[in-house]
Amino acid sequence: MSHGPWHAEWTFISKNGVTTGTAHAPRYVDIRTAVFMAAGKSLRDLSHDETAEREEPWKLLVGALYSEAMLTADELGIWQYTSPDGWAGVTIRFTP
């Protein structure tokens, strides 16, 4: 059974540690949600059970996931993103 044509891999490196993972789904929106959840988890301050303030790298990732990731992956088969500060590394693949 196929998990769908959308696939994602991510690594987030923050002061709280490293968050890595993958997702496979039939819809891009499910992939985007999985990436957002992992990114949010990477920013969570485990000692206070809350999320750290989301600064510029988070905003750039959100913008890219909404504006270019799906179209680029659909056209080229792959979209890759690395944040300027090294916090995020995300790859999204579309394999119909």
N, C-alpha and C. Protein backbone atom coordinates (compact mmCIF):
# COMPACT_ATOMS: atom_id res chain seq x y z
N MET A 1 0.84 -1.19 0.00
CA MET A 1 0.00 0.00 0.00
C MET A 1 0.87 1.24 0.00
N SER A 2 0.59 2.14 -0.91
CA SER A 2 1.37 3.37 -1.02
C SER A 2 0.89 4.40 -0.01
N HIS A 3 1.81 5.17 0.49
CA HIS A 3 1.46 6.24 1.43
C HIS A 3 1.15 7.54 0.71
N GLY A 4 1.26 7.56 -0.58
CA GLY A 4 0.99 8.77 -1.33
C GLY A 4 2.22 9.31 -2.02
N PRO A 5 2.01 10.28 -2.88
CA PRO A 5 3.12 10.81 -3.67
C PRO A 5 3.98 11.84 -2.94
N TRP A 6 3.55 12.32 -1.79
CA TRP A 6 4.31 13.37 -1.08
C TRP A 6 5.14 12.75 0.03
N HIS A 7 6.42 13.17 0.08
CA HIS A 7 7.35 12.66 1.07
C HIS A 7 8.18 13.82 1.62
N ALA A 8 8.45 13.79 2.91
CA ALA A 8 9.25 14.85 3.52
C ALA A 8 10.25 14.25 4.50
N GLU A 9 11.38 14.93 4.61
CA GLU A 9 12.41 14.60 5.59
C GLU A 9 12.83 15.92 6.22
N TRP A 10 13.09 15.92 7.52
CA TRP A 10 13.49 17.17 8.16
C TRP A 10 14.47 16.92 9.29
N THR A 11 15.24 17.96 9.54
CA THR A 11 16.13 18.03 10.70
C THR A 11 16.06 19.45 11.22
N PHE A 12 15.76 19.59 12.49
CA PHE A 12 15.75 20.89 13.16
C PHE A 12 16.74 20.81 14.31
N ILE A 13 17.66 21.77 14.36
CA ILE A 13 18.68 21.81 15.40
C ILE A 13 18.48 23.07 16.22
N SER A 14 18.16 22.90 17.49
CA SER A 14 17.95 24.05 18.37
C SER A 14 18.69 23.83 19.68
N LYS A 15 18.60 24.77 20.57
CA LYS A 15 19.26 24.63 21.87
C LYS A 15 18.67 23.48 22.67
N ASN A 16 17.48 23.01 22.28
CA ASN A 16 16.84 21.89 22.97
C ASN A 16 17.23 20.54 22.40
N GLY A 17 18.03 20.54 21.34
CA GLY A 17 18.47 19.28 20.75
C GLY A 17 18.14 19.20 19.27
N VAL A 18 18.16 17.98 18.75
CA VAL A 18 17.93 17.74 17.34
C VAL A 18 16.60 17.00 17.17
N THR A 19 15.78 17.49 16.25
CA THR A 19 14.52 16.85 15.92
C THR A 19 14.60 16.41 14.46
N THR A 20 14.47 15.11 14.21
CA THR A 20 14.49 14.60 12.84
C THR A 20 13.23 13.78 12.60
N GLY A 21 12.88 13.62 11.34
CA GLY A 21 11.73 12.79 11.04
C GLY A 21 11.42 12.72 9.57
N THR A 22 10.41 11.93 9.26
CA THR A 22 9.93 11.79 7.89
C THR A 22 8.42 11.70 7.92
N ALA A 23 7.81 11.96 6.76
CA ALA A 23 6.37 11.81 6.60
C ALA A 23 6.09 11.42 5.16
N HIS A 24 5.01 10.68 4.97
CA HIS A 24 4.56 10.25 3.66
C HIS A 24 3.05 10.41 3.65
N ALA A 25 2.50 11.07 2.64
CA ALA A 25 1.07 11.34 2.62
C ALA A 25 0.55 11.53 1.21
N PRO A 26 -0.74 11.32 1.03
CA PRO A 26 -1.34 11.54 -0.28
C PRO A 26 -1.57 13.02 -0.60
N ARG A 27 -1.59 13.87 0.44
CA ARG A 27 -1.86 15.29 0.22
C ARG A 27 -0.71 16.15 0.77
N TYR A 28 -0.40 17.21 0.03
CA TYR A 28 0.67 18.12 0.45
C TYR A 28 0.35 18.76 1.80
N VAL A 29 -0.90 19.11 2.03
CA VAL A 29 -1.27 19.77 3.28
C VAL A 29 -0.89 18.91 4.49
N ASP A 30 -0.96 17.60 4.36
CA ASP A 30 -0.57 16.72 5.46
C ASP A 30 0.94 16.74 5.70
N ILE A 31 1.68 16.86 4.62
CA ILE A 31 3.14 16.98 4.72
C ILE A 31 3.51 18.29 5.40
N ARG A 32 2.88 19.37 4.96
CA ARG A 32 3.15 20.69 5.54
C ARG A 32 2.84 20.69 7.03
N THR A 33 1.73 20.09 7.42
CA THR A 33 1.36 20.00 8.83
C THR A 33 2.39 19.22 9.63
N ALA A 34 2.88 18.12 9.09
CA ALA A 34 3.89 17.32 9.78
C ALA A 34 5.18 18.12 9.99
N VAL A 35 5.58 18.88 8.98
CA VAL A 35 6.78 19.71 9.11
C VAL A 35 6.57 20.79 10.17
N PHE A 36 5.40 21.44 10.16
CA PHE A 36 5.12 22.47 11.16
C PHE A 36 5.13 21.89 12.58
N MET A 37 4.55 20.71 12.74
CA MET A 37 4.52 20.10 14.07
C MET A 37 5.94 19.78 14.56
N ALA A 38 6.77 19.26 13.67
CA ALA A 38 8.16 18.95 14.05
C ALA A 38 8.94 20.22 14.35
N ALA A 39 8.72 21.26 13.54
CA ALA A 39 9.41 22.52 13.78
C ALA A 39 8.99 23.12 15.11
N GLY A 40 7.71 23.07 15.41
CA GLY A 40 7.22 23.58 16.69
C GLY A 40 7.79 22.80 17.86
N LYS A 41 7.88 21.48 17.70
CA LYS A 41 8.45 20.63 18.75
C LYS A 41 9.91 21.00 19.00
N SER A 42 10.64 21.32 17.94
CA SER A 42 12.05 21.65 18.10
C SER A 42 12.24 22.96 18.85
N LEU A 43 11.24 23.83 18.82
CA LEU A 43 11.34 25.12 19.51
C LEU A 43 10.76 25.08 20.92
N ARG A 44 10.15 23.97 21.29
CA ARG A 44 9.50 23.86 22.59
C ARG A 44 10.53 23.78 23.71
N ASP A 45 10.34 24.58 24.72
CA ASP A 45 11.21 24.57 25.90
C ASP A 45 10.68 23.51 26.85
N LEU A 46 11.33 22.35 26.88
CA LEU A 46 10.83 21.23 27.67
C LEU A 46 10.78 21.52 29.16
N SER A 47 11.60 22.43 29.65
CA SER A 47 11.59 22.73 31.08
C SER A 47 10.40 23.60 31.47
N HIS A 48 9.79 24.28 30.50
CA HIS A 48 8.65 25.14 30.80
C HIS A 48 7.36 24.69 30.12
N ASP A 49 7.43 23.59 29.35
CA ASP A 49 6.27 23.06 28.64
C ASP A 49 5.59 24.12 27.78
N GLU A 50 6.41 24.91 27.11
CA GLU A 50 5.88 25.93 26.22
C GLU A 50 6.81 26.09 25.03
N THR A 51 6.33 26.78 24.03
CA THR A 51 7.11 26.99 22.81
C THR A 51 7.88 28.30 22.90
N ALA A 52 9.13 28.26 22.49
CA ALA A 52 9.94 29.48 22.46
C ALA A 52 9.38 30.42 21.40
N GLU A 53 9.76 31.65 21.50
CA GLU A 53 9.30 32.63 20.51
C GLU A 53 9.80 32.23 19.13
N ARG A 54 8.93 32.34 18.17
CA ARG A 54 9.29 31.97 16.80
C ARG A 54 9.80 33.18 16.07
N GLU A 55 11.08 33.14 15.77
CA GLU A 55 11.74 34.29 15.18
C GLU A 55 11.83 34.15 13.66
N GLU A 56 12.71 34.90 13.06
CA GLU A 56 12.82 34.98 11.60
C GLU A 56 12.98 33.63 10.89
N PRO A 57 13.82 32.70 11.37
CA PRO A 57 13.93 31.41 10.66
C PRO A 57 12.59 30.68 10.54
N TRP A 58 11.78 30.74 11.60
CA TRP A 58 10.45 30.10 11.57
C TRP A 58 9.58 30.78 10.52
N LYS A 59 9.59 32.08 10.49
CA LYS A 59 8.77 32.83 9.54
C LYS A 59 9.18 32.55 8.09
N LEU A 60 10.48 32.41 7.84
CA LEU A 60 10.96 32.08 6.50
C LEU A 60 10.51 30.69 6.08
N LEU A 61 10.57 29.73 7.00
CA LEU A 61 10.13 28.37 6.71
C LEU A 61 8.63 28.35 6.39
N VAL A 62 7.84 29.02 7.21
CA VAL A 62 6.39 29.08 6.97
C VAL A 62 6.10 29.68 5.60
N GLY A 63 6.75 30.78 5.30
CA GLY A 63 6.54 31.43 4.00
C GLY A 63 6.90 30.52 2.84
N ALA A 64 8.02 29.83 2.96
CA ALA A 64 8.46 28.94 1.89
C ALA A 64 7.52 27.75 1.72
N LEU A 65 7.05 27.19 2.83
CA LEU A 65 6.14 26.06 2.74
C LEU A 65 4.80 26.44 2.12
N TYR A 66 4.38 27.67 2.34
CA TYR A 66 3.11 28.12 1.76
C TYR A 66 3.27 28.64 0.33
N SER A 67 4.43 29.19 -0.01
CA SER A 67 4.55 29.86 -1.30
C SER A 67 5.24 29.06 -2.40
N GLU A 68 6.26 28.29 -2.07
CA GLU A 68 7.04 27.69 -3.14
C GLU A 68 7.25 26.19 -3.04
N ALA A 69 7.15 25.61 -1.88
CA ALA A 69 7.52 24.20 -1.71
C ALA A 69 6.67 23.26 -2.57
N MET A 70 5.36 23.41 -2.52
CA MET A 70 4.50 22.49 -3.26
C MET A 70 4.70 22.64 -4.76
N LEU A 71 4.75 23.87 -5.25
CA LEU A 71 4.90 24.08 -6.69
C LEU A 71 6.24 23.58 -7.21
N THR A 72 7.30 23.86 -6.47
CA THR A 72 8.63 23.42 -6.90
C THR A 72 8.73 21.90 -6.89
N ALA A 73 8.25 21.27 -5.83
CA ALA A 73 8.31 19.81 -5.75
C ALA A 73 7.45 19.17 -6.84
N ASP A 74 6.30 19.78 -7.13
CA ASP A 74 5.42 19.26 -8.17
C ASP A 74 6.08 19.35 -9.54
N GLU A 75 6.77 20.45 -9.81
CA GLU A 75 7.40 20.66 -11.11
C GLU A 75 8.73 19.91 -11.26
N LEU A 76 9.56 19.97 -10.22
CA LEU A 76 10.92 19.41 -10.31
C LEU A 76 11.08 18.06 -9.61
N GLY A 77 10.10 17.68 -8.80
CA GLY A 77 10.19 16.43 -8.06
C GLY A 77 10.78 16.57 -6.68
N ILE A 78 11.45 17.71 -6.39
CA ILE A 78 12.09 17.91 -5.08
C ILE A 78 12.16 19.39 -4.74
N TRP A 79 12.04 19.68 -3.46
CA TRP A 79 12.23 21.04 -2.94
C TRP A 79 13.06 20.90 -1.67
N GLN A 80 14.11 21.70 -1.56
CA GLN A 80 14.97 21.65 -0.37
C GLN A 80 15.09 23.03 0.24
N TYR A 81 15.15 23.05 1.56
CA TYR A 81 15.26 24.31 2.28
C TYR A 81 16.24 24.14 3.43
N THR A 82 17.14 25.09 3.56
CA THR A 82 18.03 25.17 4.71
C THR A 82 17.95 26.60 5.22
N SER A 83 17.62 26.75 6.49
CA SER A 83 17.50 28.11 7.04
C SER A 83 18.88 28.75 7.13
N PRO A 84 18.92 30.08 7.02
CA PRO A 84 20.21 30.79 7.05
C PRO A 84 21.02 30.53 8.33
N ASP A 85 20.34 30.29 9.44
CA ASP A 85 21.05 30.07 10.70
C ASP A 85 21.35 28.60 10.99
N GLY A 86 20.95 27.70 10.08
CA GLY A 86 21.22 26.28 10.26
C GLY A 86 20.21 25.54 11.11
N TRP A 87 19.16 26.22 11.58
CA TRP A 87 18.15 25.58 12.43
C TRP A 87 17.36 24.52 11.67
N ALA A 88 16.98 24.80 10.43
CA ALA A 88 16.10 23.90 9.69
C ALA A 88 16.74 23.37 8.43
N GLY A 89 16.49 22.10 8.19
CA GLY A 89 16.83 21.46 6.93
C GLY A 89 15.64 20.61 6.53
N VAL A 90 14.96 20.96 5.45
CA VAL A 90 13.74 20.27 5.04
C VAL A 90 13.85 19.90 3.57
N THR A 91 13.45 18.67 3.26
CA THR A 91 13.36 18.22 1.87
C THR A 91 11.97 17.67 1.64
N ILE A 92 11.33 18.11 0.57
CA ILE A 92 10.01 17.60 0.20
C ILE A 92 10.13 17.04 -1.21
N ARG A 93 9.61 15.82 -1.39
CA ARG A 93 9.64 15.16 -2.69
C ARG A 93 8.21 14.86 -3.15
N PHE A 94 8.00 14.98 -4.45
CA PHE A 94 6.73 14.59 -5.05
C PHE A 94 7.04 13.53 -6.09
N THR A 95 6.55 12.30 -5.87
CA THR A 95 6.78 11.20 -6.79
C THR A 95 5.44 10.58 -7.15
N PRO A 96 4.83 11.06 -8.24
CA PRO A 96 3.51 10.56 -8.64
C PRO A 96 3.55 9.09 -9.05
